[in-house]
Amino acid sequence: MSTELRGTPLPGVVELLTTPSCDNRGAFFNAFRAQEKSFIDSWGDRGIAQVNFSRSKAIGTVRGLHFQASPHSEAKLVRCLKGRVWDLAVDIRCNSDTYGCWYGIEL
């Protein structure tokens, strides 16, 4: 099983691409593995504070914008287990070189 770390135009926003291990039983992949280099490179030494799962019944459901500010900011790991989701990150840090820029990806 391999994990690829892919950068995005927004500093601090990365894509983690995992290739599952497949055999006649089905497939398996690690959703998060703290000791793997790709996770260490993107996650750093931040601990996992909470894990959430959500399910949306209607197409077009909007879940909300989550603002992150120090010292209470959190890293986010977003995965889509079934169907499709459009995930969006927007840089609203006033002093950032990428202020106002956004990155979206369909998962």
PDB file of N, CA and C in Angstrom:
ATOM      1  N   MET A   1       0.845  -1.168   0.000  1.00  0.00           N
ATOM      2  CA  MET A   1       0.000   0.000   0.000  1.00  0.00           C
ATOM      3  C   MET A   1       0.892   1.233   0.000  1.00  0.00           C
ATOM      4  N   SER A   2       0.538   2.215  -0.827  1.00  0.00           N
ATOM      5  CA  SER A   2       1.350   3.421  -0.891  1.00  0.00           C
ATOM      6  C   SER A   2       0.467   4.651  -0.738  1.00  0.00           C
ATOM      7  N   THR A   3       1.073   5.691  -0.225  1.00  0.00           N
ATOM      8  CA  THR A   3       0.388   6.967  -0.072  1.00  0.00           C
ATOM      9  C   THR A   3       1.243   8.030  -0.741  1.00  0.00           C
ATOM     10  N   GLU A   4       0.617   8.827  -1.589  1.00  0.00           N
ATOM     11  CA  GLU A   4       1.312   9.917  -2.268  1.00  0.00           C
ATOM     12  C   GLU A   4       0.844  11.233  -1.676  1.00  0.00           C
ATOM     13  N   LEU A   5       1.781  12.114  -1.421  1.00  0.00           N
ATOM     14  CA  LEU A   5       1.492  13.443  -0.911  1.00  0.00           C
ATOM     15  C   LEU A   5       1.596  14.405  -2.079  1.00  0.00           C
ATOM     16  N   ARG A   6       0.495  15.103  -2.400  1.00  0.00           N
ATOM     17  CA  ARG A   6       0.473  16.014  -3.542  1.00  0.00           C
ATOM     18  C   ARG A   6       0.138  17.415  -3.040  1.00  0.00           C
ATOM     19  N   GLY A   7       0.992  18.370  -3.375  1.00  0.00           N
ATOM     20  CA  GLY A   7       0.763  19.756  -2.983  1.00  0.00           C
ATOM     21  C   GLY A   7      -0.361  20.388  -3.789  1.00  0.00           C
ATOM     22  N   THR A   8      -0.868  21.501  -3.302  1.00  0.00           N
ATOM     23  CA  THR A   8      -1.905  22.281  -3.974  1.00  0.00           C
ATOM     24  C   THR A   8      -1.419  23.729  -4.054  1.00  0.00           C
ATOM     25  N   PRO A   9      -2.131  24.594  -4.766  1.00  0.00           N
ATOM     26  CA  PRO A   9      -1.723  26.006  -4.836  1.00  0.00           C
ATOM     27  C   PRO A   9      -1.798  26.744  -3.493  1.00  0.00           C
ATOM     28  N   LEU A  10      -2.508  26.189  -2.514  1.00  0.00           N
ATOM     29  CA  LEU A  10      -2.621  26.843  -1.209  1.00  0.00           C
ATOM     30  C   LEU A  10      -1.655  26.212  -0.216  1.00  0.00           C
ATOM     31  N   PRO A  11      -0.752  26.998   0.370  1.00  0.00           N
ATOM     32  CA  PRO A  11       0.166  26.461   1.374  1.00  0.00           C
ATOM     33  C   PRO A  11      -0.614  25.846   2.540  1.00  0.00           C
ATOM     34  N   GLY A  12      -0.212  24.650   2.945  1.00  0.00           N
ATOM     35  CA  GLY A  12      -0.866  23.973   4.051  1.00  0.00           C
ATOM     36  C   GLY A  12      -2.016  23.076   3.641  1.00  0.00           C
ATOM     37  N   VAL A  13      -2.449  23.145   2.381  1.00  0.00           N
ATOM     38  CA  VAL A  13      -3.505  22.277   1.866  1.00  0.00           C
ATOM     39  C   VAL A  13      -2.840  21.251   0.956  1.00  0.00           C
ATOM     40  N   VAL A  14      -2.962  19.984   1.311  1.00  0.00           N
ATOM     41  CA  VAL A  14      -2.330  18.910   0.542  1.00  0.00           C
ATOM     42  C   VAL A  14      -3.346  17.819   0.249  1.00  0.00           C
ATOM     43  N   GLU A  15      -3.076  17.050  -0.789  1.00  0.00           N
ATOM     44  CA  GLU A  15      -3.867  15.869  -1.109  1.00  0.00           C
ATOM     45  C   GLU A  15      -3.065  14.639  -0.707  1.00  0.00           C
ATOM     46  N   LEU A  16      -3.700  13.720  -0.008  1.00  0.00           N
ATOM     47  CA  LEU A  16      -3.098  12.431   0.324  1.00  0.00           C
ATOM     48  C   LEU A  16      -3.803  11.389  -0.515  1.00  0.00           C
ATOM     49  N   LEU A  17      -3.089  10.800  -1.452  1.00  0.00           N
ATOM     50  CA  LEU A  17      -3.663   9.813  -2.353  1.00  0.00           C
ATOM     51  C   LEU A  17      -3.204   8.431  -1.909  1.00  0.00           C
ATOM     52  N   THR A  18      -4.139   7.581  -1.546  1.00  0.00           N
ATOM     53  CA  THR A  18      -3.830   6.254  -1.041  1.00  0.00           C
ATOM     54  C   THR A  18      -4.227   5.205  -2.067  1.00  0.00           C
ATOM     55  N   THR A  19      -3.317   4.298  -2.346  1.00  0.00           N
ATOM     56  CA  THR A  19      -3.607   3.175  -3.228  1.00  0.00           C
ATOM     57  C   THR A  19      -3.946   1.980  -2.346  1.00  0.00           C
ATOM     58  N   PRO A  20      -5.147   1.450  -2.457  1.00  0.00           N
ATOM     59  CA  PRO A  20      -5.524   0.325  -1.596  1.00  0.00           C
ATOM     60  C   PRO A  20      -4.828  -0.971  -1.998  1.00  0.00           C
ATOM     61  N   SER A  21      -4.719  -1.871  -1.053  1.00  0.00           N
ATOM     62  CA  SER A  21      -4.264  -3.226  -1.321  1.00  0.00           C
ATOM     63  C   SER A  21      -5.497  -4.039  -1.676  1.00  0.00           C
ATOM     64  N   CYS A  22      -5.469  -4.675  -2.848  1.00  0.00           N
ATOM     65  CA  CYS A  22      -6.630  -5.439  -3.311  1.00  0.00           C
ATOM     66  C   CYS A  22      -6.270  -6.905  -3.504  1.00  0.00           C
ATOM     67  N   ASP A  23      -7.191  -7.784  -3.150  1.00  0.00           N
ATOM     68  CA  ASP A  23      -7.062  -9.206  -3.432  1.00  0.00           C
ATOM     69  C   ASP A  23      -8.456  -9.789  -3.603  1.00  0.00           C
ATOM     70  N   ASN A  24      -8.572 -11.099  -3.608  1.00  0.00           N
ATOM     71  CA  ASN A  24      -9.875 -11.726  -3.859  1.00  0.00           C
ATOM     72  C   ASN A  24     -10.900 -11.470  -2.751  1.00  0.00           C
ATOM     73  N   ARG A  25     -10.480 -10.989  -1.604  1.00  0.00           N
ATOM     74  CA  ARG A  25     -11.414 -10.688  -0.510  1.00  0.00           C
ATOM     75  C   ARG A  25     -12.038  -9.303  -0.649  1.00  0.00           C
ATOM     76  N   GLY A  26     -11.346  -8.411  -1.379  1.00  0.00           N
ATOM     77  CA  GLY A  26     -11.799  -7.032  -1.511  1.00  0.00           C
ATOM     78  C   GLY A  26     -10.617  -6.091  -1.471  1.00  0.00           C
ATOM     79  N   ALA A  27     -10.733  -5.036  -0.695  1.00  0.00           N
ATOM     80  CA  ALA A  27      -9.677  -4.032  -0.641  1.00  0.00           C
ATOM     81  C   ALA A  27      -9.510  -3.512   0.782  1.00  0.00           C
ATOM     82  N   PHE A  28      -8.333  -2.966   1.060  1.00  0.00           N
ATOM     83  CA  PHE A  28      -8.001  -2.405   2.368  1.00  0.00           C
ATOM     84  C   PHE A  28      -7.076  -1.218   2.158  1.00  0.00           C
ATOM     85  N   PHE A  29      -7.290  -0.163   2.919  1.00  0.00           N
ATOM     86  CA  PHE A  29      -6.334   0.949   2.931  1.00  0.00           C
ATOM     87  C   PHE A  29      -6.355   1.613   4.295  1.00  0.00           C
ATOM     88  N   ASN A  30      -5.227   2.246   4.651  1.00  0.00           N
ATOM     89  CA  ASN A  30      -5.132   3.003   5.894  1.00  0.00           C
ATOM     90  C   ASN A  30      -5.712   4.389   5.666  1.00  0.00           C
ATOM     91  N   ALA A  31      -6.666   4.777   6.462  1.00  0.00           N
ATOM     92  CA  ALA A  31      -7.222   6.120   6.376  1.00  0.00           C
ATOM     93  C   ALA A  31      -6.286   7.131   7.036  1.00  0.00           C
ATOM     94  N   PHE A  32      -5.540   6.697   8.040  1.00  0.00           N
ATOM     95  CA  PHE A  32      -4.558   7.546   8.702  1.00  0.00           C
ATOM     96  C   PHE A  32      -3.554   6.645   9.402  1.00  0.00           C
ATOM     97  N   ARG A  33      -2.281   6.919   9.177  1.00  0.00           N
ATOM     98  CA  ARG A  33      -1.219   6.157   9.828  1.00  0.00           C
ATOM     99  C   ARG A  33      -0.129   7.131  10.242  1.00  0.00           C
ATOM    100  N   ALA A  34      -0.081   7.453  11.526  1.00  0.00           N
ATOM    101  CA  ALA A  34       0.803   8.509  12.026  1.00  0.00           C
ATOM    102  C   ALA A  34       2.273   8.260  11.737  1.00  0.00           C
ATOM    103  N   GLN A  35       2.695   7.011  11.621  1.00  0.00           N
ATOM    104  CA  GLN A  35       4.115   6.724  11.431  1.00  0.00           C
ATOM    105  C   GLN A  35       4.544   6.755   9.962  1.00  0.00           C
ATOM    106  N   GLU A  36       3.622   6.862   9.001  1.00  0.00           N
ATOM    107  CA  GLU A  36       3.989   6.887   7.589  1.00  0.00           C
ATOM    108  C   GLU A  36       4.512   8.265   7.202  1.00  0.00           C
ATOM    109  N   LYS A  37       5.599   8.283   6.418  1.00  0.00           N
ATOM    110  CA  LYS A  37       6.258   9.538   6.064  1.00  0.00           C
ATOM    111  C   LYS A  37       5.317  10.558   5.421  1.00  0.00           C
ATOM    112  N   SER A  38       4.441  10.126   4.517  1.00  0.00           N
ATOM    113  CA  SER A  38       3.515  11.066   3.869  1.00  0.00           C
ATOM    114  C   SER A  38       2.620  11.756   4.895  1.00  0.00           C
ATOM    115  N   PHE A  39       2.144  11.003   5.873  1.00  0.00           N
ATOM    116  CA  PHE A  39       1.308  11.591   6.914  1.00  0.00           C
ATOM    117  C   PHE A  39       2.120  12.515   7.814  1.00  0.00           C
ATOM    118  N   ILE A  40       3.329  12.095   8.166  1.00  0.00           N
ATOM    119  CA  ILE A  40       4.183  12.936   9.010  1.00  0.00           C
ATOM    120  C   ILE A  40       4.482  14.253   8.301  1.00  0.00           C
ATOM    121  N   ASP A  41       4.799  14.177   6.983  1.00  0.00           N
ATOM    122  CA  ASP A  41       5.121  15.382   6.220  1.00  0.00           C
ATOM    123  C   ASP A  41       3.951  16.354   6.168  1.00  0.00           C
ATOM    124  N   SER A  42       2.732  15.841   6.053  1.00  0.00           N
ATOM    125  CA  SER A  42       1.573  16.730   5.940  1.00  0.00           C
ATOM    126  C   SER A  42       0.948  17.073   7.285  1.00  0.00           C
ATOM    127  N   TRP A  43       0.969  16.157   8.202  1.00  0.00           N
ATOM    128  CA  TRP A  43       0.264  16.313   9.479  1.00  0.00           C
ATOM    129  C   TRP A  43       1.130  16.960  10.540  1.00  0.00           C
ATOM    130  N   GLY A  44       2.444  16.719  10.479  1.00  0.00           N
ATOM    131  CA  GLY A  44       3.340  17.247  11.502  1.00  0.00           C
ATOM    132  C   GLY A  44       3.159  16.526  12.819  1.00  0.00           C
ATOM    133  N   ASP A  45       3.341  17.234  13.908  1.00  0.00           N
ATOM    134  CA  ASP A  45       3.242  16.600  15.224  1.00  0.00           C
ATOM    135  C   ASP A  45       1.903  16.871  15.906  1.00  0.00           C
ATOM    136  N   ARG A  46       0.911  17.293  15.121  1.00  0.00           N
ATOM    137  CA  ARG A  46      -0.406  17.561  15.704  1.00  0.00           C
ATOM    138  C   ARG A  46      -1.115  16.265  16.050  1.00  0.00           C
ATOM    139  N   GLY A  47      -1.701  16.219  17.217  1.00  0.00           N
ATOM    140  CA  GLY A  47      -2.481  15.053  17.615  1.00  0.00           C
ATOM    141  C   GLY A  47      -3.872  15.112  16.988  1.00  0.00           C
ATOM    142  N   ILE A  48      -4.524  13.978  16.915  1.00  0.00           N
ATOM    143  CA  ILE A  48      -5.896  13.937  16.408  1.00  0.00           C
ATOM    144  C   ILE A  48      -6.833  14.220  17.578  1.00  0.00           C
ATOM    145  N   ALA A  49      -7.606  15.296  17.470  1.00  0.00           N
ATOM    146  CA  ALA A  49      -8.483  15.713  18.555  1.00  0.00           C
ATOM    147  C   ALA A  49      -9.888  15.143  18.427  1.00  0.00           C
ATOM    148  N   GLN A  50     -10.349  14.894  17.204  1.00  0.00           N
ATOM    149  CA  GLN A  50     -11.683  14.344  17.030  1.00  0.00           C
ATOM    150  C   GLN A  50     -11.811  13.743  15.641  1.00  0.00           C
ATOM    151  N   VAL A  51     -12.742  12.799  15.498  1.00  0.00           N
ATOM    152  CA  VAL A  51     -13.034  12.171  14.206  1.00  0.00           C
ATOM    153  C   VAL A  51     -14.531  12.265  13.997  1.00  0.00           C
ATOM    154  N   ASN A  52     -14.954  12.794  12.839  1.00  0.00           N
ATOM    155  CA  ASN A  52     -16.375  12.957  12.540  1.00  0.00           C
ATOM    156  C   ASN A  52     -16.722  12.247  11.241  1.00  0.00           C
ATOM    157  N   PHE A  53     -17.935  11.738  11.149  1.00  0.00           N
ATOM    158  CA  PHE A  53     -18.483  11.202   9.912  1.00  0.00           C
ATOM    159  C   PHE A  53     -19.813  11.896   9.679  1.00  0.00           C
ATOM    160  N   SER A  54     -20.102  12.228   8.426  1.00  0.00           N
ATOM    161  CA  SER A  54     -21.402  12.811   8.129  1.00  0.00           C
ATOM    162  C   SER A  54     -21.989  12.100   6.918  1.00  0.00           C
ATOM    163  N   ARG A  55     -23.295  12.173   6.793  1.00  0.00           N
ATOM    164  CA  ARG A  55     -24.000  11.583   5.665  1.00  0.00           C
ATOM    165  C   ARG A  55     -25.015  12.599   5.183  1.00  0.00           C
ATOM    166  N   SER A  56     -24.991  12.880   3.905  1.00  0.00           N
ATOM    167  CA  SER A  56     -25.933  13.823   3.315  1.00  0.00           C
ATOM    168  C   SER A  56     -26.870  13.054   2.398  1.00  0.00           C
ATOM    169  N   LYS A  57     -28.167  13.249   2.577  1.00  0.00           N
ATOM    170  CA  LYS A  57     -29.156  12.535   1.766  1.00  0.00           C
ATOM    171  C   LYS A  57     -29.433  13.231   0.446  1.00  0.00           C
ATOM    172  N   ALA A  58     -29.479  14.548   0.453  1.00  0.00           N
ATOM    173  CA  ALA A  58     -29.864  15.291  -0.748  1.00  0.00           C
ATOM    174  C   ALA A  58     -28.648  15.779  -1.524  1.00  0.00           C
ATOM    175  N   ILE A  59     -28.705  15.666  -2.849  1.00  0.00           N
ATOM    176  CA  ILE A  59     -27.664  16.224  -3.695  1.00  0.00           C
ATOM    177  C   ILE A  59     -27.664  17.737  -3.513  1.00  0.00           C
ATOM    178  N   GLY A  60     -26.467  18.314  -3.419  1.00  0.00           N
ATOM    179  CA  GLY A  60     -26.350  19.756  -3.257  1.00  0.00           C
ATOM    180  C   GLY A  60     -26.308  20.217  -1.814  1.00  0.00           C
ATOM    181  N   THR A  61     -26.284  19.287  -0.865  1.00  0.00           N
ATOM    182  CA  THR A  61     -26.219  19.651   0.545  1.00  0.00           C
ATOM    183  C   THR A  61     -24.924  20.397   0.845  1.00  0.00           C
ATOM    184  N   VAL A  62     -25.018  21.491   1.591  1.00  0.00           N
ATOM    185  CA  VAL A  62     -23.849  22.261   2.006  1.00  0.00           C
ATOM    186  C   VAL A  62     -23.648  22.033   3.493  1.00  0.00           C
ATOM    187  N   ARG A  63     -22.444  21.689   3.883  1.00  0.00           N
ATOM    188  CA  ARG A  63     -22.151  21.397   5.286  1.00  0.00           C
ATOM    189  C   ARG A  63     -21.628  22.595   6.055  1.00  0.00           C
ATOM    190  N   GLY A  64     -21.033  23.570   5.395  1.00  0.00           N
ATOM    191  CA  GLY A  64     -20.586  24.760   6.117  1.00  0.00           C
ATOM    192  C   GLY A  64     -19.123  25.057   5.924  1.00  0.00           C
ATOM    193  N   LEU A  65     -18.735  26.249   6.318  1.00  0.00           N
ATOM    194  CA  LEU A  65     -17.362  26.715   6.233  1.00  0.00           C
ATOM    195  C   LEU A  65     -16.790  26.704   7.644  1.00  0.00           C
ATOM    196  N   HIS A  66     -15.621  26.140   7.791  1.00  0.00           N
ATOM    197  CA  HIS A  66     -14.986  26.027   9.107  1.00  0.00           C
ATOM    198  C   HIS A  66     -13.766  26.927   9.148  1.00  0.00           C
ATOM    199  N   PHE A  67     -13.817  27.953   9.964  1.00  0.00           N
ATOM    200  CA  PHE A  67     -12.729  28.915  10.103  1.00  0.00           C
ATOM    201  C   PHE A  67     -11.728  28.388  11.121  1.00  0.00           C
ATOM    202  N   GLN A  68     -10.450  28.459  10.786  1.00  0.00           N
ATOM    203  CA  GLN A  68      -9.384  27.978  11.659  1.00  0.00           C
ATOM    204  C   GLN A  68      -8.513  29.137  12.089  1.00  0.00           C
ATOM    205  N   ALA A  69      -8.413  29.388  13.382  1.00  0.00           N
ATOM    206  CA  ALA A  69      -7.571  30.479  13.888  1.00  0.00           C
ATOM    207  C   ALA A  69      -6.725  29.985  15.056  1.00  0.00           C
ATOM    208  N   SER A  70      -5.462  30.381  15.058  1.00  0.00           N
ATOM    209  CA  SER A  70      -4.574  30.030  16.173  1.00  0.00           C
ATOM    210  C   SER A  70      -5.067  30.706  17.440  1.00  0.00           C
ATOM    211  N   PRO A  71      -4.900  30.129  18.564  1.00  0.00           N
ATOM    212  CA  PRO A  71      -4.210  28.872  18.850  1.00  0.00           C
ATOM    213  C   PRO A  71      -5.136  27.641  18.787  1.00  0.00           C
ATOM    214  N   HIS A  72      -6.348  27.791  18.287  1.00  0.00           N
ATOM    215  CA  HIS A  72      -7.318  26.693  18.309  1.00  0.00           C
ATOM    216  C   HIS A  72      -7.546  26.051  16.946  1.00  0.00           C
ATOM    217  N   SER A  73      -6.629  26.272  16.005  1.00  0.00           N
ATOM    218  CA  SER A  73      -6.810  25.693  14.678  1.00  0.00           C
ATOM    219  C   SER A  73      -6.601  24.183  14.717  1.00  0.00           C
ATOM    220  N   GLU A  74      -7.232  23.495  13.783  1.00  0.00           N
ATOM    221  CA  GLU A  74      -7.141  22.040  13.693  1.00  0.00           C
ATOM    222  C   GLU A  74      -6.782  21.653  12.266  1.00  0.00           C
ATOM    223  N   ALA A  75      -6.065  20.567  12.129  1.00  0.00           N
ATOM    224  CA  ALA A  75      -5.840  19.990  10.800  1.00  0.00           C
ATOM    225  C   ALA A  75      -7.092  19.211  10.430  1.00  0.00           C
ATOM    226  N   LYS A  76      -7.435  19.192   9.160  1.00  0.00           N
ATOM    227  CA  LYS A  76      -8.615  18.470   8.683  1.00  0.00           C
ATOM    228  C   LYS A  76      -8.173  17.404   7.700  1.00  0.00           C
ATOM    229  N   LEU A  77      -8.700  16.212   7.853  1.00  0.00           N
ATOM    230  CA  LEU A  77      -8.501  15.127   6.903  1.00  0.00           C
ATOM    231  C   LEU A  77      -9.885  14.774   6.384  1.00  0.00           C
ATOM    232  N   VAL A  78     -10.120  14.988   5.098  1.00  0.00           N
ATOM    233  CA  VAL A  78     -11.446  14.786   4.512  1.00  0.00           C
ATOM    234  C   VAL A  78     -11.381  13.625   3.530  1.00  0.00           C
ATOM    235  N   ARG A  79     -12.305  12.687   3.661  1.00  0.00           N
ATOM    236  CA  ARG A  79     -12.420  11.548   2.743  1.00  0.00           C
ATOM    237  C   ARG A  79     -13.885  11.360   2.399  1.00  0.00           C
ATOM    238  N   CYS A  80     -14.134  10.871   1.215  1.00  0.00           N
ATOM    239  CA  CYS A  80     -15.493  10.537   0.797  1.00  0.00           C
ATOM    240  C   CYS A  80     -15.558   9.022   0.665  1.00  0.00           C
ATOM    241  N   LEU A  81     -16.388   8.382   1.465  1.00  0.00           N
ATOM    242  CA  LEU A  81     -16.458   6.925   1.475  1.00  0.00           C
ATOM    243  C   LEU A  81     -17.409   6.368   0.425  1.00  0.00           C
ATOM    244  N   LYS A  82     -18.404   7.149   0.058  1.00  0.00           N
ATOM    245  CA  LYS A  82     -19.366   6.691  -0.945  1.00  0.00           C
ATOM    246  C   LYS A  82     -19.945   7.916  -1.645  1.00  0.00           C
ATOM    247  N   GLY A  83     -20.118   7.822  -2.945  1.00  0.00           N
ATOM    248  CA  GLY A  83     -20.670   8.946  -3.696  1.00  0.00           C
ATOM    249  C   GLY A  83     -19.585   9.946  -4.048  1.00  0.00           C
ATOM    250  N   ARG A  84     -19.958  11.220  -4.050  1.00  0.00           N
ATOM    251  CA  ARG A  84     -19.029  12.298  -4.403  1.00  0.00           C
ATOM    252  C   ARG A  84     -19.243  13.467  -3.467  1.00  0.00           C
ATOM    253  N   VAL A  85     -18.162  14.184  -3.232  1.00  0.00           N
ATOM    254  CA  VAL A  85     -18.240  15.419  -2.451  1.00  0.00           C
ATOM    255  C   VAL A  85     -17.266  16.416  -3.069  1.00  0.00           C
ATOM    256  N   TRP A  86     -17.664  17.673  -3.095  1.00  0.00           N
ATOM    257  CA  TRP A  86     -16.765  18.729  -3.545  1.00  0.00           C
ATOM    258  C   TRP A  86     -16.241  19.408  -2.299  1.00  0.00           C
ATOM    259  N   ASP A  87     -14.946  19.295  -2.052  1.00  0.00           N
ATOM    260  CA  ASP A  87     -14.316  19.889  -0.878  1.00  0.00           C
ATOM    261  C   ASP A  87     -13.595  21.156  -1.315  1.00  0.00           C
ATOM    262  N   LEU A  88     -13.683  22.189  -0.510  1.00  0.00           N
ATOM    263  CA  LEU A  88     -13.181  23.499  -0.877  1.00  0.00           C
ATOM    264  C   LEU A  88     -12.401  24.104   0.286  1.00  0.00           C
ATOM    265  N   ALA A  89     -11.224  24.669  -0.024  1.00  0.00           N
ATOM    266  CA  ALA A  89     -10.432  25.410   0.959  1.00  0.00           C
ATOM    267  C   ALA A  89     -10.258  26.828   0.430  1.00  0.00           C
ATOM    268  N   VAL A  90     -10.479  27.817   1.300  1.00  0.00           N
ATOM    269  CA  VAL A  90     -10.354  29.225   0.924  1.00  0.00           C
ATOM    270  C   VAL A  90      -9.377  29.888   1.889  1.00  0.00           C
ATOM    271  N   ASP A  91      -8.405  30.615   1.351  1.00  0.00           N
ATOM    272  CA  ASP A  91      -7.431  31.315   2.185  1.00  0.00           C
ATOM    273  C   ASP A  91      -7.981  32.695   2.529  1.00  0.00           C
ATOM    274  N   ILE A  92      -8.337  32.882   3.796  1.00  0.00           N
ATOM    275  CA  ILE A  92      -8.845  34.186   4.238  1.00  0.00           C
ATOM    276  C   ILE A  92      -7.892  34.841   5.249  1.00  0.00           C
ATOM    277  N   ARG A  93      -6.625  34.400   5.214  1.00  0.00           N
ATOM    278  CA  ARG A  93      -5.604  35.013   6.081  1.00  0.00           C
ATOM    279  C   ARG A  93      -5.162  36.324   5.435  1.00  0.00           C
ATOM    280  N   CYS A  94      -5.452  37.442   6.086  1.00  0.00           N
ATOM    281  CA  CYS A  94      -5.214  38.777   5.509  1.00  0.00           C
ATOM    282  C   CYS A  94      -3.787  39.006   5.035  1.00  0.00           C
ATOM    283  N   ASN A  95      -2.796  38.495   5.737  1.00  0.00           N
ATOM    284  CA  ASN A  95      -1.392  38.743   5.389  1.00  0.00           C
ATOM    285  C   ASN A  95      -0.796  37.661   4.503  1.00  0.00           C
ATOM    286  N   SER A  96      -1.601  36.776   3.972  1.00  0.00           N
ATOM    287  CA  SER A  96      -1.119  35.667   3.160  1.00  0.00           C
ATOM    288  C   SER A  96      -0.919  36.087   1.704  1.00  0.00           C
ATOM    289  N   ASP A  97       0.100  35.516   1.068  1.00  0.00           N
ATOM    290  CA  ASP A  97       0.332  35.758  -0.361  1.00  0.00           C
ATOM    291  C   ASP A  97      -0.791  35.175  -1.218  1.00  0.00           C
ATOM    292  N   THR A  98      -1.521  34.218  -0.673  1.00  0.00           N
ATOM    293  CA  THR A  98      -2.616  33.585  -1.425  1.00  0.00           C
ATOM    294  C   THR A  98      -3.990  34.001  -0.878  1.00  0.00           C
ATOM    295  N   TYR A  99      -4.038  35.155  -0.204  1.00  0.00           N
ATOM    296  CA  TYR A  99      -5.310  35.655   0.343  1.00  0.00           C
ATOM    297  C   TYR A  99      -6.363  35.739  -0.770  1.00  0.00           C
ATOM    298  N   GLY A 100      -7.539  35.181  -0.493  1.00  0.00           N
ATOM    299  CA  GLY A 100      -8.636  35.221  -1.452  1.00  0.00           C
ATOM    300  C   GLY A 100      -8.619  34.067  -2.448  1.00  0.00           C
ATOM    301  N   CYS A 101      -7.531  33.313  -2.483  1.00  0.00           N
ATOM    302  CA  CYS A 101      -7.454  32.171  -3.397  1.00  0.00           C
ATOM    303  C   CYS A 101      -8.159  30.970  -2.790  1.00  0.00           C
ATOM    304  N   TRP A 102      -8.573  30.068  -3.638  1.00  0.00           N
ATOM    305  CA  TRP A 102      -9.266  28.870  -3.162  1.00  0.00           C
ATOM    306  C   TRP A 102      -8.812  27.656  -3.951  1.00  0.00           C
ATOM    307  N   TYR A 103      -9.045  26.505  -3.367  1.00  0.00           N
ATOM    308  CA  TYR A 103      -8.730  25.235  -4.015  1.00  0.00           C
ATOM    309  C   TYR A 103      -9.899  24.288  -3.774  1.00  0.00           C
ATOM    310  N   GLY A 104     -10.414  23.730  -4.839  1.00  0.00           N
ATOM    311  CA  GLY A 104     -11.522  22.789  -4.732  1.00  0.00           C
ATOM    312  C   GLY A 104     -11.175  21.486  -5.421  1.00  0.00           C
ATOM    313  N   ILE A 105     -11.702  20.396  -4.895  1.00  0.00           N
ATOM    314  CA  ILE A 105     -11.463  19.072  -5.480  1.00  0.00           C
ATOM    315  C   ILE A 105     -12.688  18.194  -5.245  1.00  0.00           C
ATOM    316  N   GLU A 106     -13.021  17.400  -6.237  1.00  0.00           N
ATOM    317  CA  GLU A 106     -14.107  16.437  -6.064  1.00  0.00           C
ATOM    318  C   GLU A 106     -13.516  15.141  -5.544  1.00  0.00           C
ATOM    319  N   LEU A 107     -14.027  14.695  -4.427  1.00  0.00           N
ATOM    320  CA  LEU A 107     -13.579  13.428  -3.816  1.00  0.00           C
ATOM    321  C   LEU A 107     -14.606  12.352  -4.115  1.00  0.00           C
TER     322      LEU A 107
END
